[in-house]
Amino acid sequence: RLYQVPFEMPDCEGESETRTLHLIGDFSAPAEFFVTLGVFSFLYAMAALVLYLRFHSLYGENKKLPFADFCITVCFAFFWLVAAAAWGKGLTDVKAATRPASLIAAMAVCQGQEVVCNAGTTPAMGLANISVVR
């Protein structure tokens, strides 16, 4: 939800005055889907572990139970692939929206002829990239 993040920028007309710029974009849906699927996968894994360890005889006697477990596992694997792809796209969109060049282009103060705006540093996105790979 980048639109909720205020970004202070200087106002060249007054030395001490600043303007508030709000970033554009809401990329929370892919991240929420990714995290929700992870939580449900964890809960299902714990329930399956209890079933395997505590009710092993029930699992061995019933022929439909292993097949249902397999089908649920395949569904989780498919949705995990979809969630990882969605989060990867969401992260790419977040990177594009917060790229220093696009932020500078959005600042009205940097549009003047004699004005030189510099981003300073590039944000580190290494941990965010790793979250997609997981």
N, C-alpha and C. Protein backbone atom coordinates (compact mmCIF):
# COMPACT_ATOMS: atom_id res chain seq x y z
N ARG A 1 0.84 -1.18 0.00
CA ARG A 1 0.00 0.00 0.00
C ARG A 1 0.89 1.24 0.00
N LEU A 2 1.50 1.50 -1.12
CA LEU A 2 2.44 2.61 -1.21
C LEU A 2 1.74 3.96 -1.08
N TYR A 3 0.47 4.02 -1.43
CA TYR A 3 -0.24 5.30 -1.35
C TYR A 3 -0.35 5.80 0.09
N GLN A 4 -0.13 4.94 1.07
CA GLN A 4 -0.19 5.36 2.46
C GLN A 4 1.15 5.91 2.97
N VAL A 5 2.18 5.82 2.15
CA VAL A 5 3.52 6.25 2.58
C VAL A 5 3.76 7.68 2.12
N PRO A 6 3.87 8.63 3.04
CA PRO A 6 4.18 10.01 2.64
C PRO A 6 5.68 10.15 2.37
N PHE A 7 6.00 10.96 1.40
CA PHE A 7 7.39 11.17 0.99
C PHE A 7 7.63 12.67 1.00
N GLU A 8 8.50 13.13 1.88
CA GLU A 8 8.79 14.55 2.00
C GLU A 8 9.79 14.98 0.93
N MET A 9 9.47 16.07 0.25
CA MET A 9 10.39 16.61 -0.75
C MET A 9 10.55 18.11 -0.49
N PRO A 10 11.71 18.63 -0.79
CA PRO A 10 11.93 20.06 -0.55
C PRO A 10 11.15 20.92 -1.54
N ASP A 11 10.83 22.11 -1.09
CA ASP A 11 10.17 23.10 -1.94
C ASP A 11 11.17 24.23 -2.15
N CYS A 12 11.61 24.39 -3.39
CA CYS A 12 12.68 25.35 -3.67
C CYS A 12 12.26 26.80 -3.48
N GLU A 13 10.95 27.07 -3.47
CA GLU A 13 10.51 28.45 -3.32
C GLU A 13 10.77 28.97 -1.91
N GLY A 14 10.64 28.10 -0.94
CA GLY A 14 10.95 28.46 0.44
C GLY A 14 12.04 27.52 0.94
N GLU A 15 13.08 28.05 1.51
CA GLU A 15 14.23 27.23 1.90
C GLU A 15 13.86 26.13 2.89
N SER A 16 13.01 26.44 3.86
CA SER A 16 12.71 25.47 4.90
C SER A 16 11.40 24.72 4.68
N GLU A 17 10.66 25.07 3.64
CA GLU A 17 9.36 24.43 3.40
C GLU A 17 9.53 23.11 2.67
N THR A 18 8.64 22.17 2.97
CA THR A 18 8.63 20.88 2.27
C THR A 18 7.22 20.58 1.79
N ARG A 19 7.14 19.77 0.77
CA ARG A 19 5.86 19.29 0.27
C ARG A 19 5.79 17.78 0.50
N THR A 20 4.59 17.30 0.67
CA THR A 20 4.40 15.87 0.87
C THR A 20 3.93 15.24 -0.43
N LEU A 21 4.67 14.24 -0.85
CA LEU A 21 4.33 13.48 -2.05
C LEU A 21 3.92 12.09 -1.59
N HIS A 22 2.80 11.61 -2.12
CA HIS A 22 2.36 10.25 -1.79
C HIS A 22 2.71 9.34 -2.95
N LEU A 23 3.29 8.20 -2.63
CA LEU A 23 3.63 7.24 -3.67
C LEU A 23 2.36 6.65 -4.26
N ILE A 24 2.47 6.07 -5.44
CA ILE A 24 1.32 5.55 -6.15
C ILE A 24 1.40 4.03 -6.20
N GLY A 25 0.30 3.37 -5.89
CA GLY A 25 0.23 1.92 -6.05
C GLY A 25 -0.20 1.19 -4.81
N ASP A 26 -0.89 0.08 -5.03
CA ASP A 26 -1.27 -0.82 -3.96
C ASP A 26 -0.93 -2.24 -4.43
N PHE A 27 0.18 -2.75 -3.93
CA PHE A 27 0.67 -4.05 -4.35
C PHE A 27 0.57 -5.04 -3.19
N SER A 28 -0.41 -4.85 -2.33
CA SER A 28 -0.52 -5.69 -1.14
C SER A 28 -1.19 -7.03 -1.43
N ALA A 29 -2.03 -7.11 -2.45
CA ALA A 29 -2.77 -8.35 -2.71
C ALA A 29 -1.85 -9.54 -3.00
N PRO A 30 -0.84 -9.42 -3.86
CA PRO A 30 0.03 -10.59 -4.08
C PRO A 30 0.79 -11.00 -2.82
N ALA A 31 1.23 -10.03 -2.05
CA ALA A 31 1.96 -10.36 -0.82
C ALA A 31 1.03 -11.04 0.19
N GLU A 32 -0.18 -10.56 0.31
CA GLU A 32 -1.14 -11.16 1.24
C GLU A 32 -1.50 -12.58 0.80
N PHE A 33 -1.66 -12.79 -0.50
CA PHE A 33 -1.95 -14.13 -1.03
C PHE A 33 -0.80 -15.08 -0.72
N PHE A 34 0.42 -14.61 -0.93
CA PHE A 34 1.62 -15.41 -0.68
C PHE A 34 1.72 -15.81 0.79
N VAL A 35 1.52 -14.86 1.67
CA VAL A 35 1.61 -15.13 3.11
C VAL A 35 0.46 -16.02 3.58
N THR A 36 -0.74 -15.76 3.10
CA THR A 36 -1.90 -16.57 3.49
C THR A 36 -1.72 -18.01 3.07
N LEU A 37 -1.23 -18.21 1.85
CA LEU A 37 -0.99 -19.58 1.39
C LEU A 37 0.09 -20.25 2.23
N GLY A 38 1.09 -19.51 2.62
CA GLY A 38 2.13 -20.07 3.48
C GLY A 38 1.58 -20.49 4.83
N VAL A 39 0.71 -19.69 5.41
CA VAL A 39 0.10 -20.03 6.71
C VAL A 39 -0.78 -21.26 6.58
N PHE A 40 -1.61 -21.32 5.52
CA PHE A 40 -2.47 -22.49 5.32
C PHE A 40 -1.64 -23.74 5.04
N SER A 41 -0.55 -23.60 4.32
CA SER A 41 0.33 -24.75 4.06
C SER A 41 0.93 -25.26 5.37
N PHE A 42 1.35 -24.35 6.22
CA PHE A 42 1.91 -24.74 7.52
C PHE A 42 0.85 -25.46 8.35
N LEU A 43 -0.36 -24.92 8.41
CA LEU A 43 -1.42 -25.54 9.20
C LEU A 43 -1.77 -26.92 8.65
N TYR A 44 -1.83 -27.06 7.34
CA TYR A 44 -2.12 -28.36 6.75
C TYR A 44 -0.99 -29.35 7.03
N ALA A 45 0.25 -28.89 6.96
CA ALA A 45 1.38 -29.77 7.26
C ALA A 45 1.33 -30.25 8.70
N MET A 46 0.95 -29.39 9.62
CA MET A 46 0.84 -29.81 11.02
C MET A 46 -0.31 -30.80 11.21
N ALA A 47 -1.44 -30.56 10.55
CA ALA A 47 -2.56 -31.49 10.64
C ALA A 47 -2.20 -32.84 10.02
N ALA A 48 -1.51 -32.83 8.90
CA ALA A 48 -1.09 -34.08 8.26
C ALA A 48 -0.08 -34.81 9.14
N LEU A 49 0.79 -34.09 9.79
CA LEU A 49 1.76 -34.71 10.68
C LEU A 49 1.07 -35.40 11.85
N VAL A 50 0.06 -34.76 12.41
CA VAL A 50 -0.72 -35.38 13.48
C VAL A 50 -1.42 -36.63 12.95
N LEU A 51 -1.97 -36.55 11.75
CA LEU A 51 -2.64 -37.71 11.15
C LEU A 51 -1.66 -38.85 10.92
N TYR A 52 -0.48 -38.55 10.41
CA TYR A 52 0.52 -39.58 10.13
C TYR A 52 1.02 -40.24 11.41
N LEU A 53 1.26 -39.44 12.44
CA LEU A 53 1.86 -39.98 13.65
C LEU A 53 0.85 -40.55 14.64
N ARG A 54 -0.25 -39.86 14.83
CA ARG A 54 -1.22 -40.26 15.84
C ARG A 54 -2.21 -41.29 15.32
N PHE A 55 -2.64 -41.13 14.09
CA PHE A 55 -3.66 -42.02 13.52
C PHE A 55 -3.09 -42.78 12.33
N HIS A 56 -1.94 -43.37 12.52
CA HIS A 56 -1.25 -44.08 11.43
C HIS A 56 -2.07 -45.27 10.93
N SER A 57 -2.73 -45.97 11.83
CA SER A 57 -3.52 -47.14 11.41
C SER A 57 -4.70 -46.71 10.55
N LEU A 58 -5.34 -45.59 10.88
CA LEU A 58 -6.45 -45.08 10.08
C LEU A 58 -5.96 -44.70 8.68
N TYR A 59 -4.78 -44.12 8.62
CA TYR A 59 -4.21 -43.71 7.33
C TYR A 59 -3.85 -44.93 6.49
N GLY A 60 -3.39 -45.99 7.12
CA GLY A 60 -3.00 -47.19 6.38
C GLY A 60 -4.18 -48.03 5.93
N GLU A 61 -5.26 -48.04 6.71
CA GLU A 61 -6.43 -48.87 6.38
C GLU A 61 -7.33 -48.24 5.32
N ASN A 62 -7.49 -46.95 5.37
CA ASN A 62 -8.38 -46.26 4.44
C ASN A 62 -7.63 -45.93 3.16
N LYS A 63 -8.11 -46.41 2.04
CA LYS A 63 -7.42 -46.20 0.75
C LYS A 63 -7.71 -44.81 0.17
N LYS A 64 -8.80 -44.18 0.57
CA LYS A 64 -9.14 -42.86 0.03
C LYS A 64 -8.36 -41.74 0.72
N LEU A 65 -7.95 -41.96 1.93
CA LEU A 65 -7.24 -40.93 2.69
C LEU A 65 -5.88 -40.57 2.08
N PRO A 66 -5.05 -41.55 1.68
CA PRO A 66 -3.79 -41.17 1.03
C PRO A 66 -4.00 -40.45 -0.30
N PHE A 67 -5.03 -40.85 -1.05
CA PHE A 67 -5.30 -40.18 -2.32
C PHE A 67 -5.78 -38.74 -2.08
N ALA A 68 -6.62 -38.54 -1.08
CA ALA A 68 -7.07 -37.18 -0.75
C ALA A 68 -5.90 -36.32 -0.29
N ASP A 69 -5.00 -36.92 0.50
CA ASP A 69 -3.80 -36.21 0.94
C ASP A 69 -2.94 -35.82 -0.26
N PHE A 70 -2.79 -36.73 -1.20
CA PHE A 70 -2.02 -36.43 -2.41
C PHE A 70 -2.65 -35.30 -3.21
N CYS A 71 -3.97 -35.34 -3.37
CA CYS A 71 -4.66 -34.29 -4.14
C CYS A 71 -4.53 -32.92 -3.47
N ILE A 72 -4.65 -32.89 -2.16
CA ILE A 72 -4.51 -31.63 -1.43
C ILE A 72 -3.08 -31.10 -1.56
N THR A 73 -2.11 -32.00 -1.49
CA THR A 73 -0.71 -31.59 -1.63
C THR A 73 -0.43 -31.04 -3.02
N VAL A 74 -0.99 -31.67 -4.05
CA VAL A 74 -0.82 -31.17 -5.43
C VAL A 74 -1.46 -29.79 -5.57
N CYS A 75 -2.64 -29.60 -4.97
CA CYS A 75 -3.29 -28.28 -5.02
C CYS A 75 -2.44 -27.22 -4.34
N PHE A 76 -1.90 -27.54 -3.18
CA PHE A 76 -1.04 -26.59 -2.49
C PHE A 76 0.21 -26.27 -3.31
N ALA A 77 0.78 -27.27 -3.97
CA ALA A 77 1.96 -27.03 -4.80
C ALA A 77 1.62 -26.10 -5.97
N PHE A 78 0.47 -26.32 -6.60
CA PHE A 78 0.06 -25.46 -7.71
C PHE A 78 -0.18 -24.03 -7.23
N PHE A 79 -0.91 -23.88 -6.13
CA PHE A 79 -1.19 -22.54 -5.62
C PHE A 79 0.09 -21.86 -5.12
N TRP A 80 1.06 -22.63 -4.64
CA TRP A 80 2.33 -22.06 -4.22
C TRP A 80 3.06 -21.48 -5.43
N LEU A 81 3.02 -22.19 -6.55
CA LEU A 81 3.62 -21.68 -7.78
C LEU A 81 2.95 -20.39 -8.23
N VAL A 82 1.63 -20.38 -8.19
CA VAL A 82 0.87 -19.18 -8.57
C VAL A 82 1.18 -18.02 -7.62
N ALA A 83 1.23 -18.31 -6.33
CA ALA A 83 1.50 -17.26 -5.34
C ALA A 83 2.91 -16.70 -5.50
N ALA A 84 3.88 -17.56 -5.78
CA ALA A 84 5.25 -17.09 -5.98
C ALA A 84 5.35 -16.22 -7.22
N ALA A 85 4.65 -16.60 -8.28
CA ALA A 85 4.65 -15.78 -9.50
C ALA A 85 3.96 -14.44 -9.25
N ALA A 86 2.86 -14.46 -8.52
CA ALA A 86 2.15 -13.21 -8.21
C ALA A 86 3.00 -12.30 -7.33
N TRP A 87 3.67 -12.87 -6.35
CA TRP A 87 4.52 -12.05 -5.48
C TRP A 87 5.72 -11.52 -6.26
N GLY A 88 6.25 -12.32 -7.18
CA GLY A 88 7.35 -11.83 -8.02
C GLY A 88 6.92 -10.64 -8.86
N LYS A 89 5.73 -10.71 -9.44
CA LYS A 89 5.21 -9.57 -10.22
C LYS A 89 4.94 -8.38 -9.31
N GLY A 90 4.37 -8.62 -8.14
CA GLY A 90 4.12 -7.53 -7.20
C GLY A 90 5.41 -6.86 -6.77
N LEU A 91 6.46 -7.64 -6.53
CA LEU A 91 7.74 -7.07 -6.14
C LEU A 91 8.34 -6.25 -7.27
N THR A 92 8.20 -6.73 -8.49
CA THR A 92 8.69 -5.96 -9.64
C THR A 92 7.96 -4.63 -9.75
N ASP A 93 6.66 -4.63 -9.49
CA ASP A 93 5.89 -3.39 -9.53
C ASP A 93 6.29 -2.45 -8.39
N VAL A 94 6.57 -2.99 -7.21
CA VAL A 94 7.04 -2.16 -6.09
C VAL A 94 8.38 -1.53 -6.43
N LYS A 95 9.27 -2.32 -7.02
CA LYS A 95 10.58 -1.79 -7.42
C LYS A 95 10.44 -0.67 -8.44
N ALA A 96 9.53 -0.86 -9.41
CA ALA A 96 9.33 0.18 -10.43
C ALA A 96 8.74 1.44 -9.82
N ALA A 97 7.83 1.29 -8.86
CA ALA A 97 7.19 2.46 -8.26
C ALA A 97 8.11 3.21 -7.32
N THR A 98 9.09 2.53 -6.75
CA THR A 98 9.99 3.18 -5.79
C THR A 98 11.39 3.40 -6.36
N ARG A 99 11.55 3.21 -7.65
CA ARG A 99 12.85 3.46 -8.29
C ARG A 99 13.18 4.94 -8.15
N PRO A 100 14.41 5.28 -7.75
CA PRO A 100 14.75 6.68 -7.54
C PRO A 100 14.49 7.57 -8.76
N ALA A 101 14.71 7.07 -9.96
CA ALA A 101 14.47 7.88 -11.16
C ALA A 101 12.99 8.22 -11.31
N SER A 102 12.10 7.28 -11.00
CA SER A 102 10.67 7.58 -11.12
C SER A 102 10.20 8.51 -10.01
N LEU A 103 10.81 8.42 -8.82
CA LEU A 103 10.46 9.35 -7.74
C LEU A 103 10.90 10.76 -8.09
N ILE A 104 12.09 10.89 -8.65
CA ILE A 104 12.58 12.22 -9.05
C ILE A 104 11.70 12.80 -10.15
N ALA A 105 11.26 11.95 -11.08
CA ALA A 105 10.39 12.43 -12.16
C ALA A 105 9.04 12.90 -11.63
N ALA A 106 8.59 12.35 -10.51
CA ALA A 106 7.30 12.74 -9.94
C ALA A 106 7.37 14.04 -9.14
N MET A 107 8.56 14.47 -8.80
CA MET A 107 8.72 15.69 -8.01
C MET A 107 8.66 16.91 -8.91
N ALA A 108 7.74 17.78 -8.61
CA ALA A 108 7.60 19.00 -9.41
C ALA A 108 8.81 19.91 -9.27
N VAL A 109 9.46 19.86 -8.13
CA VAL A 109 10.60 20.73 -7.88
C VAL A 109 11.78 20.37 -8.79
N CYS A 110 11.83 19.14 -9.25
CA CYS A 110 12.95 18.69 -10.09
C CYS A 110 12.72 18.93 -11.58
N GLN A 111 11.60 19.55 -11.94
CA GLN A 111 11.27 19.75 -13.35
C GLN A 111 11.82 21.06 -13.92
N GLY A 112 12.45 21.88 -13.09
CA GLY A 112 12.99 23.15 -13.55
C GLY A 112 14.19 22.98 -14.47
N GLN A 113 14.51 24.05 -15.23
CA GLN A 113 15.61 24.00 -16.19
C GLN A 113 16.97 23.90 -15.50
N GLU A 114 17.18 24.70 -14.48
CA GLU A 114 18.49 24.74 -13.84
C GLU A 114 18.60 23.81 -12.62
N VAL A 115 17.58 23.03 -12.37
CA VAL A 115 17.55 22.18 -11.18
C VAL A 115 18.19 20.83 -11.51
N VAL A 116 19.06 20.39 -10.62
CA VAL A 116 19.69 19.08 -10.75
C VAL A 116 19.31 18.26 -9.52
N CYS A 117 18.59 17.19 -9.72
CA CYS A 117 18.18 16.32 -8.63
C CYS A 117 18.97 15.02 -8.72
N ASN A 118 19.43 14.57 -7.57
CA ASN A 118 20.21 13.35 -7.49
C ASN A 118 19.57 12.43 -6.45
N ALA A 119 19.46 11.16 -6.76
CA ALA A 119 18.82 10.21 -5.86
C ALA A 119 19.68 9.88 -4.65
N GLY A 120 20.96 9.98 -4.78
CA GLY A 120 21.83 9.64 -3.66
C GLY A 120 22.22 8.17 -3.70
N THR A 121 21.39 7.31 -3.12
CA THR A 121 21.70 5.88 -3.09
C THR A 121 20.56 5.08 -3.70
N THR A 122 20.89 3.90 -4.15
CA THR A 122 19.89 2.98 -4.67
C THR A 122 19.44 2.07 -3.53
N PRO A 123 18.14 1.88 -3.38
CA PRO A 123 17.67 1.04 -2.27
C PRO A 123 18.11 -0.41 -2.44
N ALA A 124 18.39 -1.07 -1.33
CA ALA A 124 18.79 -2.48 -1.34
C ALA A 124 17.53 -3.35 -1.37
N MET A 125 17.43 -4.21 -2.34
CA MET A 125 16.27 -5.09 -2.49
C MET A 125 16.64 -6.56 -2.40
N GLY A 126 17.80 -6.86 -1.84
CA GLY A 126 18.27 -8.24 -1.80
C GLY A 126 17.36 -9.17 -1.02
N LEU A 127 16.92 -8.77 0.15
CA LEU A 127 16.06 -9.62 0.96
C LEU A 127 14.69 -9.81 0.31
N ALA A 128 14.21 -8.78 -0.36
CA ALA A 128 12.93 -8.91 -1.07
C ALA A 128 13.06 -9.89 -2.23
N ASN A 129 14.19 -9.85 -2.93
CA ASN A 129 14.43 -10.80 -4.02
C ASN A 129 14.49 -12.23 -3.49
N ILE A 130 15.11 -12.41 -2.34
CA ILE A 130 15.21 -13.75 -1.74
C ILE A 130 13.83 -14.26 -1.35
N SER A 131 12.94 -13.38 -0.94
CA SER A 131 11.59 -13.82 -0.56
C SER A 131 10.83 -14.41 -1.73
N VAL A 132 11.13 -13.98 -2.94
CA VAL A 132 10.48 -14.54 -4.12
C VAL A 132 11.06 -15.91 -4.45
N VAL A 133 12.35 -16.07 -4.25
CA VAL A 133 13.02 -17.33 -4.58
C VAL A 133 12.57 -18.44 -3.64
N ARG A 134 12.29 -18.10 -2.40
CA ARG A 134 11.87 -19.12 -1.44
C ARG A 134 10.61 -19.73 -1.92
